[in-house]
Structure formats: structure tokens, C-alpha cells
C-alpha atoms as a PDB file:
ATOM      1  CA  MET A   1       0.049  -0.063   0.031  1.00  0.00           C
ATOM      2  CA  ILE A   2       1.310   3.431  -0.885  1.00  0.00           C
ATOM      3  CA  GLU A   3       1.874   5.833   2.183  1.00  0.00           C
ATOM      4  CA  LEU A   4       0.806   9.215   2.341  1.00  0.00           C
ATOM      5  CA  THR A   5       2.005  11.418   5.291  1.00  0.00           C
ATOM      6  CA  SER A   6       0.208  14.582   6.289  1.00  0.00           C
ATOM      7  CA  SER A   7       2.546  17.583   6.989  1.00  0.00           C
ATOM      8  CA  LYS A   8       1.801  21.362   7.561  1.00  0.00           C
ATOM      9  CA  GLU A   9       2.589  22.063   3.807  1.00  0.00           C
ATOM     10  CA  GLY A  10       0.493  19.148   2.380  1.00  0.00           C
ATOM     11  CA  LEU A  11       1.102  15.412   1.567  1.00  0.00           C
ATOM     12  CA  LEU A  12       4.241  13.729   1.635  1.00  0.00           C
ATOM     13  CA  LEU A  13       4.659  10.748  -0.977  1.00  0.00           C
ATOM     14  CA  ASP A  14       7.462   8.442  -1.282  1.00  0.00           C
ATOM     15  CA  VAL A  15       8.501   7.705  -4.702  1.00  0.00           C
ATOM     16  CA  HIS A  16      10.742   4.936  -6.181  1.00  0.00           C
ATOM     17  CA  ALA A  17      12.310   6.389  -9.383  1.00  0.00           C
ATOM     18  CA  GLN A  18      12.877   4.368 -12.439  1.00  0.00           C
ATOM     19  CA  PRO A  19      14.701   6.794 -14.727  1.00  0.00           C
ATOM     20  CA  GLY A  20      15.640   5.691 -18.428  1.00  0.00           C
ATOM     21  CA  ALA A  21      12.451   3.704 -18.743  1.00  0.00           C
ATOM     22  CA  ARG A  22      10.840   3.009 -22.177  1.00  0.00           C
ATOM     23  CA  ARG A  23       7.778   5.142 -21.273  1.00  0.00           C
ATOM     24  CA  ASN A  24       6.612   7.789 -18.524  1.00  0.00           C
ATOM     25  CA  GLY A  25       4.164   6.599 -16.091  1.00  0.00           C
ATOM     26  CA  LEU A  26       3.090   5.484 -12.569  1.00  0.00           C
ATOM     27  CA  ILE A  27       3.832   1.628 -12.573  1.00  0.00           C
ATOM     28  CA  GLY A  28       3.031   0.209  -9.322  1.00  0.00           C
ATOM     29  CA  GLU A  29       4.134   0.142  -5.674  1.00  0.00           C
ATOM     30  CA  ARG A  30       7.242  -0.871  -3.818  1.00  0.00           C
ATOM     31  CA  ALA A  31       7.707  -0.981  -0.122  1.00  0.00           C
ATOM     32  CA  GLY A  32       5.041   1.763   0.414  1.00  0.00           C
ATOM     33  CA  ALA A  33       6.386   3.942  -2.427  1.00  0.00           C
ATOM     34  CA  LEU A  34       4.941   4.853  -5.653  1.00  0.00           C
ATOM     35  CA  ARG A  35       6.934   3.503  -8.481  1.00  0.00           C
ATOM     36  CA  VAL A  36       7.287   6.362 -11.284  1.00  0.00           C
ATOM     37  CA  ALA A  37       9.129   5.519 -14.596  1.00  0.00           C
ATOM     38  CA  VAL A  38      10.465   8.291 -16.792  1.00  0.00           C
ATOM     39  CA  THR A  39      12.389   8.237 -20.049  1.00  0.00           C
ATOM     40  CA  ALA A  40      14.591  11.039 -19.016  1.00  0.00           C
ATOM     41  CA  PRO A  41      18.058   9.934 -17.920  1.00  0.00           C
ATOM     42  CA  PRO A  42      19.245  10.584 -14.298  1.00  0.00           C
ATOM     43  CA  ASP A  43      21.413  13.480 -15.517  1.00  0.00           C
ATOM     44  CA  LYS A  44      21.677  17.011 -14.083  1.00  0.00           C
ATOM     45  CA  GLY A  45      18.066  16.851 -12.553  1.00  0.00           C
ATOM     46  CA  LYS A  46      16.206  15.746 -15.833  1.00  0.00           C
ATOM     47  CA  ALA A  47      14.721  12.591 -14.179  1.00  0.00           C
ATOM     48  CA  ASN A  48      13.637  14.520 -11.220  1.00  0.00           C
ATOM     49  CA  ALA A  49      11.938  17.108 -13.391  1.00  0.00           C
ATOM     50  CA  ALA A  50      10.359  14.474 -15.350  1.00  0.00           C
ATOM     51  CA  ILE A  51       8.952  12.651 -12.359  1.00  0.00           C
ATOM     52  CA  LEU A  52       7.345  15.909 -11.006  1.00  0.00           C
ATOM     53  CA  GLU A  53       5.653  16.424 -14.498  1.00  0.00           C
ATOM     54  CA  VAL A  54       4.367  12.644 -14.622  1.00  0.00           C
ATOM     55  CA  LEU A  55       3.142  12.878 -10.990  1.00  0.00           C
ATOM     56  CA  ALA A  56       1.287  16.359 -11.785  1.00  0.00           C
ATOM     57  CA  GLU A  57      -0.294  14.846 -14.952  1.00  0.00           C
ATOM     58  CA  ALA A  58      -1.483  11.772 -13.315  1.00  0.00           C
ATOM     59  CA  LEU A  59      -2.720  13.177 -10.141  1.00  0.00           C
ATOM     60  CA  GLY A  60      -4.343  16.031 -11.903  1.00  0.00           C
ATOM     61  CA  LEU A  61      -2.330  18.672 -10.022  1.00  0.00           C
ATOM     62  CA  ARG A  62      -0.507  21.902 -11.077  1.00  0.00           C
ATOM     63  CA  LEU A  63       3.251  21.440 -11.525  1.00  0.00           C
ATOM     64  CA  SER A  64       3.662  24.268  -8.987  1.00  0.00           C
ATOM     65  CA  ALA A  65       1.694  22.079  -6.385  1.00  0.00           C
ATOM     66  CA  ILE A  66       4.450  19.353  -6.439  1.00  0.00           C
ATOM     67  CA  ALA A  67       8.035  19.639  -5.007  1.00  0.00           C
ATOM     68  CA  LEU A  68      10.756  17.307  -4.403  1.00  0.00           C
ATOM     69  CA  VAL A  69      11.622  17.426  -0.831  1.00  0.00           C
ATOM     70  CA  SER A  70      14.526  14.892  -0.588  1.00  0.00           C
ATOM     71  CA  GLY A  71      16.289  12.168  -2.603  1.00  0.00           C
ATOM     72  CA  GLU A  72      17.605  14.452  -5.229  1.00  0.00           C
ATOM     73  CA  THR A  73      20.311  11.873  -6.315  1.00  0.00           C
ATOM     74  CA  SER A  74      18.839   8.852  -5.144  1.00  0.00           C
ATOM     75  CA  ARG A  75      16.077   6.383  -6.551  1.00  0.00           C
ATOM     76  CA  HIS A  76      14.050   6.804  -3.287  1.00  0.00           C
ATOM     77  CA  LYS A  77      12.570  10.279  -3.208  1.00  0.00           C
ATOM     78  CA  ARG A  78      10.118  12.127  -1.061  1.00  0.00           C
ATOM     79  CA  VAL A  79       7.547  14.509  -2.781  1.00  0.00           C
ATOM     80  CA  LEU A  80       5.400  17.316  -1.422  1.00  0.00           C
ATOM     81  CA  LEU A  81       1.783  17.317  -2.989  1.00  0.00           C
ATOM     82  CA  ALA A  82      -0.050  20.688  -2.063  1.00  0.00           C
ATOM     83  CA  GLY A  83      -3.771  21.338  -2.376  1.00  0.00           C
ATOM     84  CA  ILE A  84      -5.018  17.718  -2.073  1.00  0.00           C
ATOM     85  CA  ASP A  85      -6.443  15.692   0.886  1.00  0.00           C
ATOM     86  CA  PRO A  86      -5.292  12.232   1.534  1.00  0.00           C
ATOM     87  CA  GLU A  87      -8.151  10.551   0.626  1.00  0.00           C
ATOM     88  CA  GLU A  88      -8.525  12.300  -2.898  1.00  0.00           C
ATOM     89  CA  ALA A  89      -4.652  11.678  -3.405  1.00  0.00           C
ATOM     90  CA  ALA A  90      -5.116   8.067  -2.781  1.00  0.00           C
ATOM     91  CA  ARG A  91      -8.053   7.844  -4.971  1.00  0.00           C
ATOM     92  CA  ARG A  92      -6.294   9.406  -7.810  1.00  0.00           C
ATOM     93  CA  ILE A  93      -3.199   7.285  -7.430  1.00  0.00           C
ATOM     94  CA  ALA A  94      -5.076   4.287  -7.541  1.00  0.00           C
ATOM     95  CA  ALA A  95      -6.987   5.450 -10.772  1.00  0.00           C
ATOM     96  CA  ALA A  96      -3.763   6.274 -12.380  1.00  0.00           C
ATOM     97  CA  LEU A  97      -2.053   2.884 -11.648  1.00  0.00           C
ATOM     98  CA  PRO A  98      -2.086   0.180 -14.385  1.00  0.00           C
ATOM     99  CA  GLU A  99      -4.620  -2.743 -13.721  1.00  0.00           C
ATOM    100  CA  PRO A 100      -2.577  -5.704 -12.241  1.00  0.00           C
ATOM    101  CA  LYS A 101      -2.071  -8.467 -14.652  1.00  0.00           C
ATOM    102  CA  THR A 102      -3.754 -11.578 -14.199  1.00  0.00           C
ATOM    103  CA  THR A 103      -3.025 -15.035 -15.533  1.00  0.00           C
ATOM    104  CA  ASP A 104      -5.925 -17.029 -16.508  1.00  0.00           C
ATOM    105  CA  LYS A 105      -4.994 -20.773 -16.521  1.00  0.00           C
ATOM    106  CA  ASN A 106      -8.158 -21.861 -18.412  1.00  0.00           C
ATOM    107  CA  SER A 107      -7.466 -20.043 -21.640  1.00  0.00           C
END
């Protein structure tokens, strides 16, 4: 389950970054963190900027409402989401995640 922590400024979201991916998007959960894939390389902040853009688009927030709080040079990042309550953020994250793949042994 993806963890959201309330703070004075908004919600804190742990993100596990996957730079250099084939496509941009939210790809799942890992140890309580939202997995975000971006095509940008981890070079001079390009991947960090792309992660914030992907989050803004996926969650329907303005780019100015999202900020990187920690993890600038790490795959494990903490992002601040402003102007959204925890329930709505959780709903939007769930809606933006891909459907889990199921295997049907009968087909």
C-alpha cells in the first residue's frame, strides 16, 4: 500500500524512481512507495523534473503544487503534494496505476 503522510505544507509521498524507462508513467508500488518511470536519464536533474511532471499529470495537479523534498540523487525520493487531501490523493493514485496483470489458466 502506498503511504501518504500529512504535513503542514501538504502530503508527503515516497517515490521509487525508474529513470531511463521506455515510457513515462506510474507503474506500481514498492515497499510503500509509488513507482514512477520516466524516459529522462538521471542527469543534471532531468529525471527529477520528469518525475514531477508525470506526477502532476497523473494526479491532476498543477506542477507548482508538487515539489521534491528529498532524494535528489537517489532512486528513493520524497515529494510534497499541496492542495489535495489524503483520500483524494489515494483515489487519484489508484486510478492512475495500471491494472494488475492476471493470468488465466483456463485460456
